[in-house]
Protein backbone atom coordinates (compact mmCIF):
# COMPACT_ATOMS: atom_id res chain seq x y z
CA MET A 1 67.55 24.39 -23.32
CA TYR A 2 64.99 24.17 -20.51
CA ASP A 3 63.49 27.56 -21.38
CA TRP A 4 63.00 26.55 -25.02
CA LEU A 5 61.47 23.20 -24.15
CA LEU A 6 59.08 24.81 -21.69
CA PHE A 7 58.17 27.57 -24.15
CA LEU A 8 57.44 25.06 -26.93
CA HIS A 9 55.45 22.82 -24.56
CA VAL A 10 53.29 25.72 -23.35
CA ALA A 11 52.89 27.14 -26.87
CA SER A 12 51.70 23.72 -28.00
CA ALA A 13 49.18 23.69 -25.16
CA PHE A 14 47.74 26.93 -26.54
CA PHE A 15 47.00 25.09 -29.78
CA LEU A 16 44.99 22.58 -27.76
CA ALA A 17 43.07 25.46 -26.23
CA ILE A 18 42.43 26.90 -29.70
CA THR A 19 40.78 23.63 -30.69
CA VAL A 20 38.53 23.59 -27.64
CA VAL A 21 37.46 27.19 -28.21
CA VAL A 22 36.94 26.83 -31.96
CA LEU A 23 34.84 23.67 -31.64
CA SER A 24 32.69 25.24 -28.95
CA ALA A 25 30.87 27.16 -31.71
CA PRO A 26 29.34 24.08 -33.37
CA ALA A 27 28.87 22.47 -29.94
CA LEU A 28 26.71 25.45 -28.96
CA GLY A 29 24.70 25.06 -32.15
CA PHE A 30 26.24 27.65 -34.43
CA VAL A 31 26.37 26.56 -38.05
CA THR A 32 29.93 26.32 -39.33
CA ASP A 33 31.61 25.17 -42.49
CA GLY A 34 34.38 22.66 -43.08
CA ARG A 35 37.12 25.28 -42.78
CA LEU A 36 36.45 25.67 -39.08
CA LEU A 37 36.67 21.93 -38.53
CA ARG A 38 39.91 21.76 -40.54
CA LEU A 39 41.36 24.59 -38.46
CA ALA A 40 40.45 22.75 -35.26
CA THR A 41 41.97 19.52 -36.55
CA VAL A 42 45.21 21.19 -37.59
CA ALA A 43 45.45 23.05 -34.27
CA TRP A 44 44.90 19.82 -32.33
CA ASN A 45 47.48 17.94 -34.40
CA ILE A 46 50.10 20.64 -33.85
CA GLY A 47 49.26 21.09 -30.19
CA GLY A 48 48.90 17.39 -29.51
CA ALA A 49 52.21 16.47 -31.07
CA GLY A 50 53.98 19.41 -29.43
CA THR A 51 52.63 18.86 -25.93
CA LEU A 52 53.42 15.16 -26.07
CA VAL A 53 56.93 15.43 -27.55
CA PHE A 54 58.08 18.47 -25.58
CA GLY A 55 56.37 17.27 -22.39
CA ILE A 56 58.16 13.93 -22.49
CA TRP A 57 61.40 15.68 -23.44
CA LEU A 58 61.00 17.97 -20.41
CA ALA A 59 60.34 14.99 -18.12
CA ILE A 60 63.56 13.40 -19.36
CA TYR A 61 65.56 16.65 -19.28
CA ILE A 62 64.60 17.80 -15.76
CA LYS A 63 66.46 15.89 -13.07
CA ASN A 64 63.56 15.88 -10.55
CA TYR A 65 61.04 14.30 -12.97
CA GLU A 66 60.81 10.94 -14.68
CA VAL A 67 58.57 9.84 -17.53
CA TRP A 68 57.11 7.16 -15.26
CA ASP A 69 56.07 9.65 -12.54
CA GLY A 70 52.37 9.28 -11.81
CA TRP A 71 51.43 12.79 -12.88
CA VAL A 72 53.33 12.40 -16.19
CA ILE A 73 51.59 9.09 -16.93
CA ALA A 74 48.26 10.69 -15.96
CA ALA A 75 48.98 13.52 -18.41
CA ILE A 76 49.72 11.06 -21.21
CA VAL A 77 46.52 9.10 -20.47
CA LEU A 78 44.47 12.33 -20.34
CA TRP A 79 46.09 13.48 -23.59
CA ALA A 80 45.15 10.21 -25.30
CA GLY A 81 41.61 10.40 -23.94
CA ALA A 82 41.19 13.99 -25.11
CA THR A 83 42.48 13.04 -28.54
CA GLU A 84 39.94 10.23 -28.93
CA LEU A 85 37.05 12.31 -27.59
CA GLY A 86 37.98 15.08 -30.00
CA ARG A 87 38.17 12.66 -32.91
CA ARG A 88 34.63 11.51 -32.14
CA ALA A 89 33.41 15.09 -31.84
CA GLU A 90 34.97 16.15 -35.13
CA VAL A 91 33.53 13.12 -36.93
CA GLY A 92 30.12 13.99 -35.53
CA PHE A 93 30.33 17.67 -36.48
CA SER A 94 31.36 16.84 -40.04
CA ALA A 95 28.92 13.93 -40.49
CA ALA A 96 26.01 14.03 -42.90
CA GLU A 97 22.45 13.82 -41.66
CA GLY A 98 21.52 10.41 -40.33
CA GLU A 99 24.98 9.78 -38.92
CA PRO A 100 25.96 10.74 -35.36
CA THR A 101 23.91 13.72 -34.29
CA ARG A 102 25.25 17.13 -33.42
CA ALA A 103 24.09 16.50 -29.86
CA GLN A 104 26.36 13.46 -29.65
CA ALA A 105 29.21 15.43 -31.19
CA ALA A 106 28.62 18.23 -28.70
CA LEU A 107 28.73 15.71 -25.85
CA TRP A 108 32.09 14.38 -27.07
CA HIS A 109 33.36 17.95 -27.38
CA TRP A 110 32.34 18.93 -23.84
CA LEU A 111 33.86 15.73 -22.47
CA ARG A 112 37.10 16.56 -24.28
CA THR A 113 36.94 20.07 -22.85
CA LEU A 114 36.66 18.59 -19.35
CA VAL A 115 39.61 16.26 -20.00
CA VAL A 116 41.73 19.15 -21.32
CA ILE A 117 40.95 21.10 -18.14
CA LEU A 118 41.95 18.07 -16.04
CA LEU A 119 45.15 17.88 -18.09
CA LEU A 120 45.87 21.53 -17.33
CA VAL A 121 45.24 20.94 -13.61
CA ASP A 122 47.60 17.95 -13.73
CA MET A 123 50.30 20.08 -15.36
CA ILE A 124 49.93 22.92 -12.86
CA PHE A 125 49.73 20.96 -9.61
CA LYS A 126 51.77 17.85 -10.58
CA PRO A 127 50.11 15.61 -7.98
CA GLY A 128 52.59 13.30 -6.36
CA ALA A 129 55.66 15.16 -7.66
């Protein structure tokens, strides 16, 4: 059971990485169409749900971890922050002229990228565990 939970958790994290990589194109100024944004949204939804569900399941399943451990709570907070930053970026990238600028959307994207990296660091080093 542990191997499957870990596999599904890590596979879900790859979907989060797909989103960060895919949205880096418009953040760097490349013109993209709506399909790219839809792909990024779908990848984030799959990855976000998977990392959250399987991550919490792992914290419950493994005897040495608890859901209320500091590093698990930090991961959940970082996950929520990355989700909101990404929502703002995607709204900005898909907005019509006169709405939030691409520069603002790019800023939200790069902030989300930083938060995703912090999330990865939290998962690897498990501070306080």
